[in-house]
Amino acid sequence: MTWKMRVLGYKNERIRPLNDARAVDAGAEFLGEAFIFGVAASLIIAEQVRSRTQAKRQRSAVDERLDDLEAKAATQSEIAERLQDERNLLRAEINELAAE
């Protein structure tokens, strides 16, 4: 540490050791802060996971609804084609009957 301070241009200062009471207080404060940080980080991560899961569920629901609508549209198209064919057939029969 003294070498690093010399390289960076700081003057060497003597660091006084902490007494036992101050060391215990500093350690307790550090542990308390670390615990609070850990709880906060866990809550943030849990919220992110919950948010991603909810968004994924919503996308799945939208995709499923879109697939259903596409299937219904295809069915409706087939029905429309069949009705058009029947209409053309009936018109041809009407024209035949009218020609007789």
C-alpha atoms as a PDB file:
ATOM      1  CA  MET A   1       0.000   0.000   0.000  1.00  0.00           C
ATOM      2  CA  THR A   2       2.840   2.383   0.796  1.00  0.00           C
ATOM      3  CA  TRP A   3       4.391   1.712  -2.614  1.00  0.00           C
ATOM      4  CA  LYS A   4       1.085   2.550  -4.340  1.00  0.00           C
ATOM      5  CA  MET A   5       0.787   5.782  -2.356  1.00  0.00           C
ATOM      6  CA  ARG A   6       4.352   6.753  -3.298  1.00  0.00           C
ATOM      7  CA  VAL A   7       3.737   6.026  -7.001  1.00  0.00           C
ATOM      8  CA  LEU A   8       0.555   8.090  -7.005  1.00  0.00           C
ATOM      9  CA  GLY A   9       2.328  10.985  -5.319  1.00  0.00           C
ATOM     10  CA  TYR A  10       0.669  10.882  -1.902  1.00  0.00           C
ATOM     11  CA  LYS A  11       2.689  11.406   1.226  1.00  0.00           C
ATOM     12  CA  ASN A  12       3.040   8.475   3.582  1.00  0.00           C
ATOM     13  CA  GLU A  13       0.661   8.783   6.516  1.00  0.00           C
ATOM     14  CA  ARG A  14       0.516   6.537   9.494  1.00  0.00           C
ATOM     15  CA  ILE A  15      -2.902   4.921   9.851  1.00  0.00           C
ATOM     16  CA  ARG A  16      -3.930   4.494  13.456  1.00  0.00           C
ATOM     17  CA  PRO A  17      -5.490   1.144  14.367  1.00  0.00           C
ATOM     18  CA  LEU A  18      -9.127   1.102  15.468  1.00  0.00           C
ATOM     19  CA  ASN A  19      -9.981   0.284  19.019  1.00  0.00           C
ATOM     20  CA  ASP A  20     -12.141  -2.792  19.629  1.00  0.00           C
ATOM     21  CA  ALA A  21     -15.419  -0.912  20.122  1.00  0.00           C
ATOM     22  CA  ARG A  22     -15.058   1.076  16.911  1.00  0.00           C
ATOM     23  CA  ALA A  23     -14.017  -2.046  14.995  1.00  0.00           C
ATOM     24  CA  VAL A  24     -17.107  -3.912  16.229  1.00  0.00           C
ATOM     25  CA  ASP A  25     -19.336  -0.953  15.318  1.00  0.00           C
ATOM     26  CA  ALA A  26     -17.797  -0.700  11.845  1.00  0.00           C
ATOM     27  CA  GLY A  27     -18.162  -4.457  11.300  1.00  0.00           C
ATOM     28  CA  ALA A  28     -21.777  -4.440  12.488  1.00  0.00           C
ATOM     29  CA  GLU A  29     -22.580  -1.495  10.236  1.00  0.00           C
ATOM     30  CA  PHE A  30     -20.934  -3.239   7.288  1.00  0.00           C
ATOM     31  CA  LEU A  31     -22.917  -6.439   7.906  1.00  0.00           C
ATOM     32  CA  GLY A  32     -26.153  -4.462   8.212  1.00  0.00           C
ATOM     33  CA  GLU A  33     -25.505  -2.566   4.991  1.00  0.00           C
ATOM     34  CA  ALA A  34     -24.517  -5.778   3.198  1.00  0.00           C
ATOM     35  CA  PHE A  35     -27.734  -7.459   4.355  1.00  0.00           C
ATOM     36  CA  ILE A  36     -29.877  -4.529   3.183  1.00  0.00           C
ATOM     37  CA  PHE A  37     -28.037  -4.469  -0.150  1.00  0.00           C
ATOM     38  CA  GLY A  38     -28.551  -8.221  -0.573  1.00  0.00           C
ATOM     39  CA  VAL A  39     -32.279  -7.955   0.152  1.00  0.00           C
ATOM     40  CA  ALA A  40     -32.670  -5.009  -2.234  1.00  0.00           C
ATOM     41  CA  ALA A  41     -30.740  -6.786  -5.000  1.00  0.00           C
ATOM     42  CA  SER A  42     -32.831  -9.936  -4.488  1.00  0.00           C
ATOM     43  CA  LEU A  43     -36.057  -7.937  -4.740  1.00  0.00           C
ATOM     44  CA  ILE A  44     -34.902  -6.242  -7.932  1.00  0.00           C
ATOM     45  CA  ILE A  45     -33.940  -9.565  -9.503  1.00  0.00           C
ATOM     46  CA  ALA A  46     -37.236 -11.152  -8.426  1.00  0.00           C
ATOM     47  CA  GLU A  47     -39.189  -8.245  -9.942  1.00  0.00           C
ATOM     48  CA  GLN A  48     -37.255  -8.551 -13.207  1.00  0.00           C
ATOM     49  CA  VAL A  49     -37.975 -12.280 -13.396  1.00  0.00           C
ATOM     50  CA  ARG A  50     -41.665 -11.703 -12.620  1.00  0.00           C
ATOM     51  CA  SER A  51     -41.881  -8.953 -15.232  1.00  0.00           C
ATOM     52  CA  ARG A  52     -40.233 -11.113 -17.909  1.00  0.00           C
ATOM     53  CA  THR A  53     -42.501 -14.047 -17.083  1.00  0.00           C
ATOM     54  CA  GLN A  54     -45.596 -11.869 -17.309  1.00  0.00           C
ATOM     55  CA  ALA A  55     -44.475 -10.360 -20.627  1.00  0.00           C
ATOM     56  CA  LYS A  56     -43.738 -13.838 -21.991  1.00  0.00           C
ATOM     57  CA  ARG A  57     -47.185 -15.028 -20.902  1.00  0.00           C
ATOM     58  CA  GLN A  58     -48.828 -12.035 -22.596  1.00  0.00           C
ATOM     59  CA  ARG A  59     -46.878 -12.622 -25.822  1.00  0.00           C
ATOM     60  CA  SER A  60     -47.922 -16.267 -25.787  1.00  0.00           C
ATOM     61  CA  ALA A  61     -51.567 -15.288 -25.333  1.00  0.00           C
ATOM     62  CA  VAL A  62     -51.357 -12.800 -28.201  1.00  0.00           C
ATOM     63  CA  ASP A  63     -49.628 -15.359 -30.446  1.00  0.00           C
ATOM     64  CA  GLU A  64     -52.271 -17.953 -29.617  1.00  0.00           C
ATOM     65  CA  ARG A  65     -55.071 -15.481 -30.343  1.00  0.00           C
ATOM     66  CA  LEU A  66     -53.412 -14.537 -33.638  1.00  0.00           C
ATOM     67  CA  ASP A  67     -53.116 -18.203 -34.634  1.00  0.00           C
ATOM     68  CA  ASP A  68     -56.811 -18.700 -33.840  1.00  0.00           C
ATOM     69  CA  LEU A  69     -57.769 -15.681 -35.928  1.00  0.00           C
ATOM     70  CA  GLU A  70     -55.625 -16.857 -38.838  1.00  0.00           C
ATOM     71  CA  ALA A  71     -57.263 -20.290 -38.692  1.00  0.00           C
ATOM     72  CA  LYS A  72     -60.724 -18.702 -38.624  1.00  0.00           C
ATOM     73  CA  ALA A  73     -59.814 -16.457 -41.560  1.00  0.00           C
ATOM     74  CA  ALA A  74     -58.640 -19.471 -43.566  1.00  0.00           C
ATOM     75  CA  THR A  75     -61.881 -21.311 -42.762  1.00  0.00           C
ATOM     76  CA  GLN A  76     -63.946 -18.288 -43.757  1.00  0.00           C
ATOM     77  CA  SER A  77     -62.016 -18.060 -47.035  1.00  0.00           C
ATOM     78  CA  GLU A  78     -62.770 -21.696 -47.808  1.00  0.00           C
ATOM     79  CA  ILE A  79     -66.452 -21.183 -47.011  1.00  0.00           C
ATOM     80  CA  ALA A  80     -66.566 -18.080 -49.218  1.00  0.00           C
ATOM     81  CA  GLU A  81     -64.983 -19.998 -52.121  1.00  0.00           C
ATOM     82  CA  ARG A  82     -67.478 -22.859 -51.752  1.00  0.00           C
ATOM     83  CA  LEU A  83     -70.402 -20.429 -51.656  1.00  0.00           C
ATOM     84  CA  GLN A  84     -69.088 -18.650 -54.730  1.00  0.00           C
ATOM     85  CA  ASP A  85     -68.782 -21.988 -56.563  1.00  0.00           C
ATOM     86  CA  GLU A  86     -72.343 -22.913 -55.551  1.00  0.00           C
ATOM     87  CA  ARG A  87     -73.602 -19.505 -56.669  1.00  0.00           C
ATOM     88  CA  ASN A  88     -71.898 -19.897 -60.047  1.00  0.00           C
ATOM     89  CA  LEU A  89     -73.371 -23.385 -60.402  1.00  0.00           C
ATOM     90  CA  LEU A  90     -76.860 -22.128 -59.539  1.00  0.00           C
ATOM     91  CA  ARG A  91     -76.543 -19.229 -61.988  1.00  0.00           C
ATOM     92  CA  ALA A  92     -75.515 -21.663 -64.702  1.00  0.00           C
ATOM     93  CA  GLU A  93     -78.572 -23.812 -63.918  1.00  0.00           C
ATOM     94  CA  ILE A  94     -80.822 -20.742 -63.949  1.00  0.00           C
ATOM     95  CA  ASN A  95     -79.391 -19.677 -67.306  1.00  0.00           C
ATOM     96  CA  GLU A  96     -80.007 -23.192 -68.677  1.00  0.00           C
ATOM     97  CA  LEU A  97     -83.591 -23.154 -67.440  1.00  0.00           C
ATOM     98  CA  ALA A  98     -84.148 -19.670 -68.828  1.00  0.00           C
ATOM     99  CA  ALA A  99     -82.746 -20.732 -72.198  1.00  0.00           C
ATOM    100  CA  GLU A 100     -85.239 -23.617 -72.465  1.00  0.00           C
END
